[in-house]
Each structure stands twice: as structure tokens, then as C-alpha cells.
Amino acid sequence: MVHSEMFADWGYDALHDITEKRAIEGIKHGERHIDRVLFLIAKR
């Protein structure tokens, strides 16, 4: 997310949008993995 904000500050709005979208997707992907691991641990 830091790089996304840097691009926005520098005026690279398109690059900011793309970078921010990818960062959010990565965070959501990680959260899905964490949820799955916690689910599997709880089923023991």
C-alpha cells in the first residue's frame, strides 16, 4: 500500500489505482488462507 500512495503523490494516478487494487487483492487472498487454516485447526 505504501508504493500505491507514493505513486499517487507523484501524480501517477493510473499506476496508483493498479498497485492499490493488487495490494488489496493480496491482502484478501492472505485472509482467505488464514480463515481456512483456523477452520481446519478448529475441526481437530
Protein backbone atom coordinates (compact mmCIF):
# COMPACT_ATOMS: atom_id res chain seq x y z
CA MET A 1 0.00 0.00 0.00
CA VAL A 2 2.92 2.36 0.61
CA HIS A 3 4.02 2.22 -3.01
CA SER A 4 0.48 2.92 -4.14
CA GLU A 5 0.39 6.11 -2.07
CA MET A 6 3.82 7.13 -3.37
CA PHE A 7 2.56 6.80 -6.95
CA ALA A 8 -0.46 8.96 -6.07
CA ASP A 9 1.79 11.63 -4.55
CA TRP A 10 3.95 11.66 -7.66
CA GLY A 11 0.90 12.08 -9.91
CA TYR A 12 0.89 8.57 -11.38
CA ASP A 13 -2.83 8.03 -10.80
CA ALA A 14 -3.24 5.03 -13.12
CA LEU A 15 -0.28 3.26 -11.53
CA HIS A 16 -1.67 4.13 -8.09
CA ASP A 17 -5.02 2.51 -8.93
CA ILE A 18 -3.44 -0.66 -10.30
CA THR A 19 -1.00 -1.03 -7.41
CA GLU A 20 -3.66 -0.40 -4.79
CA LYS A 21 -6.03 -2.92 -6.38
CA ARG A 22 -3.31 -5.60 -6.43
CA ALA A 23 -2.35 -4.90 -2.82
CA ILE A 24 -5.95 -5.24 -1.67
CA GLU A 25 -6.33 -8.48 -3.64
CA GLY A 26 -3.18 -9.83 -1.96
CA ILE A 27 -4.46 -8.92 1.49
CA LYS A 28 -7.81 -10.61 0.82
CA HIS A 29 -6.03 -13.69 -0.53
CA GLY A 30 -3.97 -13.95 2.65
CA GLU A 31 -7.07 -13.52 4.80
CA ARG A 32 -8.77 -16.41 3.00
CA HIS A 33 -5.76 -18.62 3.75
CA ILE A 34 -5.78 -17.61 7.41
CA ASP A 35 -9.52 -18.29 7.66
CA ARG A 36 -9.03 -21.72 6.13
CA VAL A 37 -6.19 -22.62 8.49
CA LEU A 38 -8.20 -21.50 11.52
CA PHE A 39 -11.17 -23.52 10.27
CA LEU A 40 -9.05 -26.64 9.87
CA ILE A 41 -7.46 -26.21 13.30
CA ALA A 42 -10.89 -25.79 14.91
CA LYS A 43 -12.12 -29.06 13.38
CA ARG A 44 -9.49 -31.13 15.25
